[in-house]
């Protein structure tokens, strides 16, 4: 049993940090909002390794990955319209259904 306490806990004030641009901070808060304390800090812990130095480096790497994940803005989706061929296929199918239903009708009486 490992009796040495090597767990590393890192606290970073996300809300008051001047190093984050406002847009990145907003995306960070929306993505990781559940992990942020009432004071506006995020806690990152690591106990993967048996020495504290590597756990501290692991905490920094985790935080770096979290910030890098929200650093670039997501691409805006541009709505697209159906193409000419898709419109033609749809129209052709509608005409086929219409003809099929017309064939089911009784012939018109010539009185």
PDB file of N, CA and C in Angstrom:
ATOM      1  N   UNK A   1       0.839  -1.176   0.000  1.00  0.00           N
ATOM      2  CA  UNK A   1       0.000   0.000   0.000  1.00  0.00           C
ATOM      3  C   UNK A   1       0.886   1.242   0.000  1.00  0.00           C
ATOM      4  N   UNK A   2       0.528   2.213  -0.879  1.00  0.00           N
ATOM      5  CA  UNK A   2       1.306   3.442  -0.988  1.00  0.00           C
ATOM      6  C   UNK A   2       0.882   4.399   0.127  1.00  0.00           C
ATOM      7  N   UNK A   3       1.775   4.690   1.043  1.00  0.00           N
ATOM      8  CA  UNK A   3       1.435   5.538   2.186  1.00  0.00           C
ATOM      9  C   UNK A   3       1.884   6.978   2.001  1.00  0.00           C
ATOM     10  N   UNK A   4       2.440   7.276   0.831  1.00  0.00           N
ATOM     11  CA  UNK A   4       2.912   8.636   0.576  1.00  0.00           C
ATOM     12  C   UNK A   4       1.827   9.376  -0.191  1.00  0.00           C
ATOM     13  N   UNK A   5       1.501  10.585   0.253  1.00  0.00           N
ATOM     14  CA  UNK A   5       0.478  11.370  -0.400  1.00  0.00           C
ATOM     15  C   UNK A   5       1.102  12.108  -1.579  1.00  0.00           C
ATOM     16  N   UNK A   6       0.816  11.651  -2.793  1.00  0.00           N
ATOM     17  CA  UNK A   6       1.397  12.275  -3.980  1.00  0.00           C
ATOM     18  C   UNK A   6       0.331  12.894  -4.874  1.00  0.00           C
ATOM     19  N   UNK A   7      -0.902  12.923  -4.427  1.00  0.00           N
ATOM     20  CA  UNK A   7      -1.975  13.498  -5.229  1.00  0.00           C
ATOM     21  C   UNK A   7      -1.756  15.000  -5.383  1.00  0.00           C
ATOM     22  N   UNK A   8      -1.947  15.478  -6.599  1.00  0.00           N
ATOM     23  CA  UNK A   8      -1.797  16.910  -6.878  1.00  0.00           C
ATOM     24  C   UNK A   8      -3.167  17.498  -7.189  1.00  0.00           C
ATOM     25  N   UNK A   9      -3.476  18.607  -6.555  1.00  0.00           N
ATOM     26  CA  UNK A   9      -4.728  19.331  -6.804  1.00  0.00           C
ATOM     27  C   UNK A   9      -4.375  20.745  -7.237  1.00  0.00           C
ATOM     28  N   UNK A  10      -4.913  21.151  -8.373  1.00  0.00           N
ATOM     29  CA  UNK A  10      -4.620  22.478  -8.891  1.00  0.00           C
ATOM     30  C   UNK A  10      -5.917  23.282  -8.947  1.00  0.00           C
ATOM     31  N   UNK A  11      -5.859  24.511  -8.512  1.00  0.00           N
ATOM     32  CA  UNK A  11      -7.018  25.408  -8.515  1.00  0.00           C
ATOM     33  C   UNK A  11      -6.675  26.594  -9.406  1.00  0.00           C
ATOM     34  N   UNK A  12      -7.574  26.898 -10.339  1.00  0.00           N
ATOM     35  CA  UNK A  12      -7.346  28.008 -11.261  1.00  0.00           C
ATOM     36  C   UNK A  12      -8.608  28.856 -11.334  1.00  0.00           C
ATOM     37  N   UNK A  13      -8.456  30.153 -11.138  1.00  0.00           N
ATOM     38  CA  UNK A  13      -9.591  31.073 -11.171  1.00  0.00           C
ATOM     39  C   UNK A  13      -9.935  31.386 -12.622  1.00  0.00           C
ATOM     40  N   UNK A  14     -10.910  30.687 -13.135  1.00  0.00           N
ATOM     41  CA  UNK A  14     -11.305  30.862 -14.537  1.00  0.00           C
ATOM     42  C   UNK A  14     -12.006  32.203 -14.734  1.00  0.00           C
ATOM     43  N   UNK A  15     -12.914  32.531 -13.827  1.00  0.00           N
ATOM     44  CA  UNK A  15     -13.736  33.724 -13.990  1.00  0.00           C
ATOM     45  C   UNK A  15     -12.900  34.993 -13.935  1.00  0.00           C
ATOM     46  N   UNK A  16     -11.932  35.057 -13.046  1.00  0.00           N
ATOM     47  CA  UNK A  16     -11.142  36.274 -12.894  1.00  0.00           C
ATOM     48  C   UNK A  16      -9.818  36.264 -13.613  1.00  0.00           C
ATOM     49  N   UNK A  17      -9.576  35.286 -14.454  1.00  0.00           N
ATOM     50  CA  UNK A  17      -8.279  35.184 -15.115  1.00  0.00           C
ATOM     51  C   UNK A  17      -8.159  36.171 -16.269  1.00  0.00           C
ATOM     52  N   UNK A  18      -7.139  37.037 -16.249  1.00  0.00           N
ATOM     53  CA  UNK A  18      -6.963  37.987 -17.355  1.00  0.00           C
ATOM     54  C   UNK A  18      -6.337  37.340 -18.594  1.00  0.00           C
ATOM     55  N   UNK A  19      -5.854  36.106 -18.466  1.00  0.00           N
ATOM     56  CA  UNK A  19      -5.168  35.468 -19.592  1.00  0.00           C
ATOM     57  C   UNK A  19      -6.133  34.848 -20.600  1.00  0.00           C
ATOM     58  N   UNK A  20      -7.417  34.732 -20.245  1.00  0.00           N
ATOM     59  CA  UNK A  20      -8.384  34.150 -21.178  1.00  0.00           C
ATOM     60  C   UNK A  20      -9.190  35.252 -21.864  1.00  0.00           C
ATOM     61  N   UNK A  21      -9.290  35.213 -23.180  1.00  0.00           N
ATOM     62  CA  UNK A  21     -10.190  36.143 -23.861  1.00  0.00           C
ATOM     63  C   UNK A  21     -11.642  35.863 -23.463  1.00  0.00           C
ATOM     64  N   UNK A  22     -12.478  36.856 -23.584  1.00  0.00           N
ATOM     65  CA  UNK A  22     -13.866  36.732 -23.117  1.00  0.00           C
ATOM     66  C   UNK A  22     -14.622  35.618 -23.844  1.00  0.00           C
ATOM     67  N   UNK A  23     -14.400  35.489 -25.151  1.00  0.00           N
ATOM     68  CA  UNK A  23     -15.107  34.456 -25.920  1.00  0.00           C
ATOM     69  C   UNK A  23     -14.689  33.056 -25.466  1.00  0.00           C
ATOM     70  N   UNK A  24     -13.388  32.872 -25.246  1.00  0.00           N
ATOM     71  CA  UNK A  24     -12.889  31.565 -24.799  1.00  0.00           C
ATOM     72  C   UNK A  24     -13.407  31.267 -23.395  1.00  0.00           C
ATOM     73  N   UNK A  25     -13.444  32.285 -22.540  1.00  0.00           N
ATOM     74  CA  UNK A  25     -13.952  32.095 -21.172  1.00  0.00           C
ATOM     75  C   UNK A  25     -15.416  31.648 -21.209  1.00  0.00           C
ATOM     76  N   UNK A  26     -16.196  32.262 -22.070  1.00  0.00           N
ATOM     77  CA  UNK A  26     -17.605  31.889 -22.185  1.00  0.00           C
ATOM     78  C   UNK A  26     -17.781  30.450 -22.622  1.00  0.00           C
ATOM     79  N   UNK A  27     -16.995  30.029 -23.626  1.00  0.00           N
ATOM     80  CA  UNK A  27     -17.082  28.634 -24.070  1.00  0.00           C
ATOM     81  C   UNK A  27     -16.595  27.682 -22.986  1.00  0.00           C
ATOM     82  N   UNK A  28     -15.546  28.084 -22.255  1.00  0.00           N
ATOM     83  CA  UNK A  28     -15.018  27.251 -21.171  1.00  0.00           C
ATOM     84  C   UNK A  28     -16.078  27.076 -20.082  1.00  0.00           C
ATOM     85  N   UNK A  29     -16.734  28.178 -19.707  1.00  0.00           N
ATOM     86  CA  UNK A  29     -17.743  28.111 -18.653  1.00  0.00           C
ATOM     87  C   UNK A  29     -18.956  27.294 -19.093  1.00  0.00           C
ATOM     88  N   UNK A  30     -19.313  27.374 -20.364  1.00  0.00           N
ATOM     89  CA  UNK A  30     -20.469  26.602 -20.808  1.00  0.00           C
ATOM     90  C   UNK A  30     -20.141  25.114 -20.893  1.00  0.00           C
ATOM     91  N   UNK A  31     -18.914  24.784 -21.278  1.00  0.00           N
ATOM     92  CA  UNK A  31     -18.560  23.366 -21.405  1.00  0.00           C
ATOM     93  C   UNK A  31     -18.240  22.726 -20.055  1.00  0.00           C
ATOM     94  N   UNK A  32     -17.493  23.434 -19.213  1.00  0.00           N
ATOM     95  CA  UNK A  32     -17.041  22.856 -17.944  1.00  0.00           C
ATOM     96  C   UNK A  32     -17.707  23.523 -16.748  1.00  0.00           C
ATOM     97  N   UNK A  33     -18.876  24.104 -16.932  1.00  0.00           N
ATOM     98  CA  UNK A  33     -19.556  24.828 -15.864  1.00  0.00           C
ATOM     99  C   UNK A  33     -19.868  23.972 -14.645  1.00  0.00           C
ATOM    100  N   UNK A  34     -20.124  22.697 -14.864  1.00  0.00           N
ATOM    101  CA  UNK A  34     -20.450  21.816 -13.741  1.00  0.00           C
ATOM    102  C   UNK A  34     -19.241  21.557 -12.838  1.00  0.00           C
ATOM    103  N   UNK A  35     -18.048  21.746 -13.375  1.00  0.00           N
ATOM    104  CA  UNK A  35     -16.829  21.468 -12.600  1.00  0.00           C
ATOM    105  C   UNK A  35     -16.291  22.706 -11.895  1.00  0.00           C
ATOM    106  N   UNK A  36     -16.935  23.846 -12.075  1.00  0.00           N
ATOM    107  CA  UNK A  36     -16.431  25.104 -11.515  1.00  0.00           C
ATOM    108  C   UNK A  36     -17.108  25.366 -10.173  1.00  0.00           C
ATOM    109  N   UNK A  37     -16.303  25.803  -9.200  1.00  0.00           N
ATOM    110  CA  UNK A  37     -16.817  26.047  -7.857  1.00  0.00           C
ATOM    111  C   UNK A  37     -17.611  27.349  -7.808  1.00  0.00           C
ATOM    112  N   UNK A  38     -18.216  27.620  -6.669  1.00  0.00           N
ATOM    113  CA  UNK A  38     -19.001  28.848  -6.507  1.00  0.00           C
ATOM    114  C   UNK A  38     -18.118  30.088  -6.595  1.00  0.00           C
ATOM    115  N   UNK A  39     -16.849  29.949  -6.233  1.00  0.00           N
ATOM    116  CA  UNK A  39     -15.919  31.077  -6.289  1.00  0.00           C
ATOM    117  C   UNK A  39     -15.426  31.352  -7.707  1.00  0.00           C
ATOM    118  N   UNK A  40     -15.737  30.464  -8.641  1.00  0.00           N
ATOM    119  CA  UNK A  40     -15.297  30.655 -10.021  1.00  0.00           C
ATOM    120  C   UNK A  40     -13.983  29.967 -10.329  1.00  0.00           C
ATOM    121  N   UNK A  41     -13.574  29.028  -9.487  1.00  0.00           N
ATOM    122  CA  UNK A  41     -12.333  28.292  -9.716  1.00  0.00           C
ATOM    123  C   UNK A  41     -12.642  26.914 -10.288  1.00  0.00           C
ATOM    124  N   UNK A  42     -11.686  26.405 -11.029  1.00  0.00           N
ATOM    125  CA  UNK A  42     -11.800  25.025 -11.490  1.00  0.00           C
ATOM    126  C   UNK A  42     -10.740  24.212 -10.767  1.00  0.00           C
ATOM    127  N   UNK A  43     -11.119  23.041 -10.321  1.00  0.00           N
ATOM    128  CA  UNK A  43     -10.195  22.147  -9.617  1.00  0.00           C
ATOM    129  C   UNK A  43      -9.817  21.012 -10.549  1.00  0.00           C
ATOM    130  N   UNK A  44      -8.520  20.815 -10.696  1.00  0.00           N
ATOM    131  CA  UNK A  44      -8.003  19.723 -11.515  1.00  0.00           C
ATOM    132  C   UNK A  44      -7.114  18.889 -10.613  1.00  0.00           C
ATOM    133  N   UNK A  45      -7.383  17.592 -10.543  1.00  0.00           N
ATOM    134  CA  UNK A  45      -6.584  16.712  -9.686  1.00  0.00           C
ATOM    135  C   UNK A  45      -5.967  15.599 -10.513  1.00  0.00           C
ATOM    136  N   UNK A  46      -4.894  15.065  -9.990  1.00  0.00           N
ATOM    137  CA  UNK A  46      -4.235  13.939 -10.630  1.00  0.00           C
ATOM    138  C   UNK A  46      -3.537  13.101  -9.569  1.00  0.00           C
ATOM    139  N   UNK A  47      -3.714  11.795  -9.679  1.00  0.00           N
ATOM    140  CA  UNK A  47      -2.980  10.866  -8.821  1.00  0.00           C
ATOM    141  C   UNK A  47      -2.576   9.631  -9.622  1.00  0.00           C
ATOM    142  N   UNK A  48      -2.281   9.872 -10.902  1.00  0.00           N
ATOM    143  CA  UNK A  48      -1.905   8.770 -11.782  1.00  0.00           C
ATOM    144  C   UNK A  48      -0.513   8.233 -11.476  1.00  0.00           C
ATOM    145  N   UNK A  49       0.375   9.122 -11.055  1.00  0.00           N
ATOM    146  CA  UNK A  49       1.774   8.748 -10.894  1.00  0.00           C
ATOM    147  C   UNK A  49       2.146   8.658  -9.421  1.00  0.00           C
ATOM    148  N   UNK A  50       3.293   8.070  -9.149  1.00  0.00           N
ATOM    149  CA  UNK A  50       3.699   7.864  -7.758  1.00  0.00           C
ATOM    150  C   UNK A  50       4.540   9.001  -7.209  1.00  0.00           C
ATOM    151  N   UNK A  51       4.831  10.018  -8.036  1.00  0.00           N
ATOM    152  CA  UNK A  51       5.540  11.168  -7.485  1.00  0.00           C
ATOM    153  C   UNK A  51       4.764  12.444  -7.812  1.00  0.00           C
ATOM    154  N   UNK A  52       4.827  13.371  -6.908  1.00  0.00           N
ATOM    155  CA  UNK A  52       4.001  14.579  -6.983  1.00  0.00           C
ATOM    156  C   UNK A  52       4.339  15.437  -8.203  1.00  0.00           C
ATOM    157  N   UNK A  53       5.589  15.514  -8.569  1.00  0.00           N
ATOM    158  CA  UNK A  53       5.990  16.345  -9.708  1.00  0.00           C
ATOM    159  C   UNK A  53       5.313  15.935 -11.001  1.00  0.00           C
ATOM    160  N   UNK A  54       5.241  14.636 -11.235  1.00  0.00           N
ATOM    161  CA  UNK A  54       4.575  14.161 -12.448  1.00  0.00           C
ATOM    162  C   UNK A  54       3.071  14.395 -12.373  1.00  0.00           C
ATOM    163  N   UNK A  55       2.496  14.314 -11.170  1.00  0.00           N
ATOM    164  CA  UNK A  55       1.068  14.588 -11.021  1.00  0.00           C
ATOM    165  C   UNK A  55       0.757  16.071 -11.257  1.00  0.00           C
ATOM    166  N   UNK A  56       1.645  16.952 -10.810  1.00  0.00           N
ATOM    167  CA  UNK A  56       1.455  18.386 -11.072  1.00  0.00           C
ATOM    168  C   UNK A  56       1.534  18.642 -12.579  1.00  0.00           C
ATOM    169  N   UNK A  57       2.508  18.024 -13.232  1.00  0.00           N
ATOM    170  CA  UNK A  57       2.629  18.179 -14.682  1.00  0.00           C
ATOM    171  C   UNK A  57       1.392  17.620 -15.390  1.00  0.00           C
ATOM    172  N   UNK A  58       0.839  16.546 -14.856  1.00  0.00           N
ATOM    173  CA  UNK A  58      -0.369  15.961 -15.431  1.00  0.00           C
ATOM    174  C   UNK A  58      -1.561  16.910 -15.263  1.00  0.00           C
ATOM    175  N   UNK A  59      -1.658  17.568 -14.112  1.00  0.00           N
ATOM    176  CA  UNK A  59      -2.722  18.561 -13.893  1.00  0.00           C
ATOM    177  C   UNK A  59      -2.604  19.698 -14.900  1.00  0.00           C
ATOM    178  N   UNK A  60      -1.397  20.187 -15.102  1.00  0.00           N
ATOM    179  CA  UNK A  60      -1.186  21.260 -16.072  1.00  0.00           C
ATOM    180  C   UNK A  60      -1.552  20.811 -17.487  1.00  0.00           C
ATOM    181  N   UNK A  61      -1.194  19.573 -17.813  1.00  0.00           N
ATOM    182  CA  UNK A  61      -1.527  19.047 -19.143  1.00  0.00           C
ATOM    183  C   UNK A  61      -3.041  18.926 -19.312  1.00  0.00           C
ATOM    184  N   UNK A  62      -3.732  18.477 -18.265  1.00  0.00           N
ATOM    185  CA  UNK A  62      -5.186  18.373 -18.324  1.00  0.00           C
ATOM    186  C   UNK A  62      -5.820  19.740 -18.551  1.00  0.00           C
ATOM    187  N   UNK A  63      -5.360  20.730 -17.801  1.00  0.00           N
ATOM    188  CA  UNK A  63      -5.909  22.081 -17.945  1.00  0.00           C
ATOM    189  C   UNK A  63      -5.590  22.651 -19.318  1.00  0.00           C
ATOM    190  N   UNK A  64      -4.387  22.424 -19.791  1.00  0.00           N
ATOM    191  CA  UNK A  64      -3.992  22.897 -21.124  1.00  0.00           C
ATOM    192  C   UNK A  64      -4.888  22.285 -22.196  1.00  0.00           C
ATOM    193  N   UNK A  65      -5.194  20.982 -22.059  1.00  0.00           N
ATOM    194  CA  UNK A  65      -6.078  20.322 -23.024  1.00  0.00           C
ATOM    195  C   UNK A  65      -7.496  20.889 -22.957  1.00  0.00           C
ATOM    196  N   UNK A  66      -7.962  21.188 -21.742  1.00  0.00           N
ATOM    197  CA  UNK A  66      -9.305  21.738 -21.588  1.00  0.00           C
ATOM    198  C   UNK A  66      -9.406  23.103 -22.263  1.00  0.00           C
ATOM    199  N   UNK A  67      -8.403  23.947 -22.069  1.00  0.00           N
ATOM    200  CA  UNK A  67      -8.422  25.285 -22.670  1.00  0.00           C
ATOM    201  C   UNK A  67      -8.270  25.171 -24.187  1.00  0.00           C
ATOM    202  N   UNK A  68      -7.405  24.263 -24.652  1.00  0.00           N
ATOM    203  CA  UNK A  68      -7.200  24.108 -26.094  1.00  0.00           C
ATOM    204  C   UNK A  68      -8.470  23.611 -26.776  1.00  0.00           C
ATOM    205  N   UNK A  69      -9.268  22.831 -26.062  1.00  0.00           N
ATOM    206  CA  UNK A  69     -10.489  22.291 -26.643  1.00  0.00           C
ATOM    207  C   UNK A  69     -11.522  23.376 -26.932  1.00  0.00           C
ATOM    208  N   UNK A  70     -11.542  24.421 -26.109  1.00  0.00           N
ATOM    209  CA  UNK A  70     -12.520  25.496 -26.316  1.00  0.00           C
ATOM    210  C   UNK A  70     -11.894  26.744 -26.933  1.00  0.00           C
ATOM    211  N   UNK A  71     -10.606  26.688 -27.264  1.00  0.00           N
ATOM    212  CA  UNK A  71      -9.911  27.878 -27.774  1.00  0.00           C
ATOM    213  C   UNK A  71     -10.423  28.289 -29.148  1.00  0.00           C
ATOM    214  N   UNK A  72     -10.698  27.331 -30.016  1.00  0.00           N
ATOM    215  CA  UNK A  72     -11.174  27.669 -31.350  1.00  0.00           C
ATOM    216  C   UNK A  72     -12.697  27.671 -31.345  1.00  0.00           C
ATOM    217  N   UNK A  73     -13.267  28.674 -31.963  1.00  0.00           N
ATOM    218  CA  UNK A  73     -14.725  28.783 -32.029  1.00  0.00           C
ATOM    219  C   UNK A  73     -15.270  27.698 -32.939  1.00  0.00           C
ATOM    220  N   UNK A  74     -16.411  27.115 -32.595  1.00  0.00           N
ATOM    221  CA  UNK A  74     -16.988  26.095 -33.470  1.00  0.00           C
ATOM    222  C   UNK A  74     -17.442  26.720 -34.780  1.00  0.00           C
ATOM    223  N   UNK A  75     -17.369  25.930 -35.846  1.00  0.00           N
ATOM    224  CA  UNK A  75     -17.765  26.433 -37.151  1.00  0.00           C
ATOM    225  C   UNK A  75     -19.275  26.634 -37.180  1.00  0.00           C
ATOM    226  N   UNK A  76     -19.696  27.740 -37.767  1.00  0.00           N
ATOM    227  CA  UNK A  76     -21.118  27.999 -37.917  1.00  0.00           C
ATOM    228  C   UNK A  76     -21.664  27.142 -39.047  1.00  0.00           C
ATOM    229  N   UNK A  77     -22.812  26.536 -38.828  1.00  0.00           N
ATOM    230  CA  UNK A  77     -23.418  25.703 -39.856  1.00  0.00           C
ATOM    231  C   UNK A  77     -24.153  26.599 -40.837  1.00  0.00           C
ATOM    232  N   UNK A  78     -23.846  26.433 -42.107  1.00  0.00           N
ATOM    233  CA  UNK A  78     -24.536  27.184 -43.141  1.00  0.00           C
ATOM    234  C   UNK A  78     -25.677  26.326 -43.663  1.00  0.00           C
ATOM    235  N   UNK A  79     -26.918  26.802 -43.544  1.00  0.00           N
ATOM    236  CA  UNK A  79     -28.029  25.993 -44.039  1.00  0.00           C
ATOM    237  C   UNK A  79     -27.962  25.861 -45.559  1.00  0.00           C
ATOM    238  N   UNK A  80     -28.276  24.688 -46.058  1.00  0.00           N
ATOM    239  CA  UNK A  80     -28.215  24.435 -47.494  1.00  0.00           C
ATOM    240  C   UNK A  80     -29.606  24.110 -48.006  1.00  0.00           C
ATOM    241  N   UNK A  81     -29.808  24.402 -49.262  1.00  0.00           N
ATOM    242  CA  UNK A  81     -31.078  24.083 -49.912  1.00  0.00           C
ATOM    243  C   UNK A  81     -30.883  22.837 -50.768  1.00  0.00           C
ATOM    244  N   UNK A  82     -31.960  22.097 -51.045  1.00  0.00           N
ATOM    245  CA  UNK A  82     -31.802  20.920 -51.904  1.00  0.00           C
ATOM    246  C   UNK A  82     -31.371  21.330 -53.311  1.00  0.00           C
ATOM    247  N   UNK A  83     -30.576  20.495 -53.921  1.00  0.00           N
ATOM    248  CA  UNK A  83     -30.073  20.777 -55.263  1.00  0.00           C
ATOM    249  C   UNK A  83     -31.126  20.545 -56.326  1.00  0.00           C
ATOM    250  N   UNK A  84     -30.777  20.889 -57.560  1.00  0.00           N
ATOM    251  CA  UNK A  84     -31.711  20.761 -58.671  1.00  0.00           C
ATOM    252  C   UNK A  84     -32.093  19.300 -58.906  1.00  0.00           C
ATOM    253  N   UNK A  85     -31.128  18.400 -58.845  1.00  0.00           N
ATOM    254  CA  UNK A  85     -31.417  16.981 -59.086  1.00  0.00           C
ATOM    255  C   UNK A  85     -32.333  16.416 -57.999  1.00  0.00           C
ATOM    256  N   UNK A  86     -32.118  16.825 -56.751  1.00  0.00           N
ATOM    257  CA  UNK A  86     -32.970  16.337 -55.663  1.00  0.00           C
ATOM    258  C   UNK A  86     -34.397  16.845 -55.833  1.00  0.00           C
ATOM    259  N   UNK A  87     -34.547  18.094 -56.267  1.00  0.00           N
ATOM    260  CA  UNK A  87     -35.877  18.642 -56.510  1.00  0.00           C
ATOM    261  C   UNK A  87     -36.569  17.874 -57.639  1.00  0.00           C
ATOM    262  N   UNK A  88     -35.799  17.557 -58.696  1.00  0.00           N
ATOM    263  CA  UNK A  88     -36.378  16.828 -59.833  1.00  0.00           C
ATOM    264  C   UNK A  88     -36.814  15.421 -59.405  1.00  0.00           C
ATOM    265  N   UNK A  89     -35.996  14.742 -58.613  1.00  0.00           N
ATOM    266  CA  UNK A  89     -36.362  13.401 -58.132  1.00  0.00           C
ATOM    267  C   UNK A  89     -37.637  13.453 -57.297  1.00  0.00           C
ATOM    268  N   UNK A  90     -37.717  14.449 -56.421  1.00  0.00           N
ATOM    269  CA  UNK A  90     -38.900  14.591 -55.577  1.00  0.00           C
ATOM    270  C   UNK A  90     -40.134  14.833 -56.439  1.00  0.00           C
ATOM    271  N   UNK A  91     -40.013  15.708 -57.414  1.00  0.00           N
ATOM    272  CA  UNK A  91     -41.158  16.014 -58.298  1.00  0.00           C
ATOM    273  C   UNK A  91     -41.583  14.781 -59.087  1.00  0.00           C
ATOM    274  N   UNK A  92     -40.596  14.023 -59.575  1.00  0.00           N
ATOM    275  CA  UNK A  92     -40.898  12.815 -60.350  1.00  0.00           C
ATOM    276  C   UNK A  92     -41.631  11.784 -59.497  1.00  0.00           C
ATOM    277  N   UNK A  93     -41.189  11.626 -58.256  1.00  0.00           N
ATOM    278  CA  UNK A  93     -41.835  10.686 -57.340  1.00  0.00           C
ATOM    279  C   UNK A  93     -43.268  11.136 -57.025  1.00  0.00           C
ATOM    280  N   UNK A  94     -43.459  12.437 -56.852  1.00  0.00           N
ATOM    281  CA  UNK A  94     -44.811  12.954 -56.585  1.00  0.00           C
ATOM    282  C   UNK A  94     -45.730  12.689 -57.780  1.00  0.00           C
ATOM    283  N   UNK A  95     -45.203  12.867 -58.998  1.00  0.00           N
ATOM    284  CA  UNK A  95     -46.013  12.607 -60.186  1.00  0.00           C
ATOM    285  C   UNK A  95     -46.367  11.134 -60.302  1.00  0.00           C
ATOM    286  N   UNK A  96     -45.416  10.247 -59.950  1.00  0.00           N
ATOM    287  CA  UNK A  96     -45.683   8.810 -60.021  1.00  0.00           C
ATOM    288  C   UNK A  96     -46.771   8.419 -59.027  1.00  0.00           C
ATOM    289  N   UNK A  97     -46.722   8.968 -57.824  1.00  0.00           N
ATOM    290  CA  UNK A  97     -47.740   8.671 -56.822  1.00  0.00           C
ATOM    291  C   UNK A  97     -49.091   9.193 -57.293  1.00  0.00           C
ATOM    292  N   UNK A  98     -49.096  10.371 -57.891  1.00  0.00           N
ATOM    293  CA  UNK A  98     -50.334  10.959 -58.391  1.00  0.00           C
ATOM    294  C   UNK A  98     -50.946  10.081 -59.481  1.00  0.00           C
ATOM    295  N   UNK A  99     -50.129   9.614 -60.435  1.00  0.00           N
ATOM    296  CA  UNK A  99     -50.626   8.736 -61.510  1.00  0.00           C
ATOM    297  C   UNK A  99     -51.181   7.437 -60.937  1.00  0.00           C
ATOM    298  N   UNK A 100     -50.495   6.867 -59.960  1.00  0.00           N
ATOM    299  CA  UNK A 100     -50.932   5.616 -59.332  1.00  0.00           C
ATOM    300  C   UNK A 100     -52.308   5.796 -58.693  1.00  0.00           C
ATOM    301  N   UNK A 101     -52.508   6.907 -58.017  1.00  0.00           N
ATOM    302  CA  UNK A 101     -53.795   7.157 -57.368  1.00  0.00           C
ATOM    303  C   UNK A 101     -54.888   7.428 -58.408  1.00  0.00           C
ATOM    304  N   UNK A 102     -54.530   8.093 -59.504  1.00  0.00           N
ATOM    305  CA  UNK A 102     -55.519   8.346 -60.555  1.00  0.00           C
ATOM    306  C   UNK A 102     -56.004   7.046 -61.179  1.00  0.00           C
ATOM    307  N   UNK A 103     -55.124   6.069 -61.292  1.00  0.00           N
ATOM    308  CA  UNK A 103     -55.492   4.782 -61.882  1.00  0.00           C
ATOM    309  C   UNK A 103     -56.466   4.018 -60.992  1.00  0.00           C
ATOM    310  N   UNK A 104     -56.501   4.302 -59.714  1.00  0.00           N
ATOM    311  CA  UNK A 104     -57.396   3.604 -58.790  1.00  0.00           C
ATOM    312  C   UNK A 104     -58.824   4.140 -58.861  1.00  0.00           C
ATOM    313  N   UNK A 105     -59.002   5.339 -59.380  1.00  0.00           N
ATOM    314  CA  UNK A 105     -60.326   5.951 -59.422  1.00  0.00           C
ATOM    315  C   UNK A 105     -61.225   5.242 -60.428  1.00  0.00           C
ATOM    316  N   UNK A 106     -62.537   5.391 -60.196  1.00  0.00           N
ATOM    317  CA  UNK A 106     -63.516   4.859 -61.163  1.00  0.00           C
ATOM    318  C   UNK A 106     -63.500   5.738 -62.391  1.00  0.00           C
ATOM    319  N   UNK A 107     -63.738   5.142 -63.532  1.00  0.00           N
ATOM    320  CA  UNK A 107     -63.793   5.974 -64.737  1.00  0.00           C
ATOM    321  C   UNK A 107     -64.972   6.938 -64.677  1.00  0.00           C
ATOM    322  N   UNK A 108     -64.801   8.085 -65.258  1.00  0.00           N
ATOM    323  CA  UNK A 108     -65.869   9.106 -65.269  1.00  0.00           C
ATOM    324  C   UNK A 108     -67.010   8.630 -66.157  1.00  0.00           C
ATOM    325  N   UNK A 109     -68.257   8.833 -65.723  1.00  0.00           N
ATOM    326  CA  UNK A 109     -69.423   8.442 -66.531  1.00  0.00           C
ATOM    327  C   UNK A 109     -69.693   9.485 -67.593  1.00  0.00           C
ATOM    328  N   UNK A 110     -70.039   9.052 -68.820  1.00  0.00           N
ATOM    329  CA  UNK A 110     -70.277   9.974 -69.931  1.00  0.00           C
ATOM    330  C   UNK A 110     -71.772  10.137 -70.157  1.00  0.00           C
ATOM    331  N   UNK A 111     -72.475  10.822 -69.310  1.00  0.00           N
ATOM    332  CA  UNK A 111     -73.917  11.029 -69.471  1.00  0.00           C
ATOM    333  C   UNK A 111     -74.214  12.321 -70.134  1.00  0.00           C
TER     334      UNK A 111
END
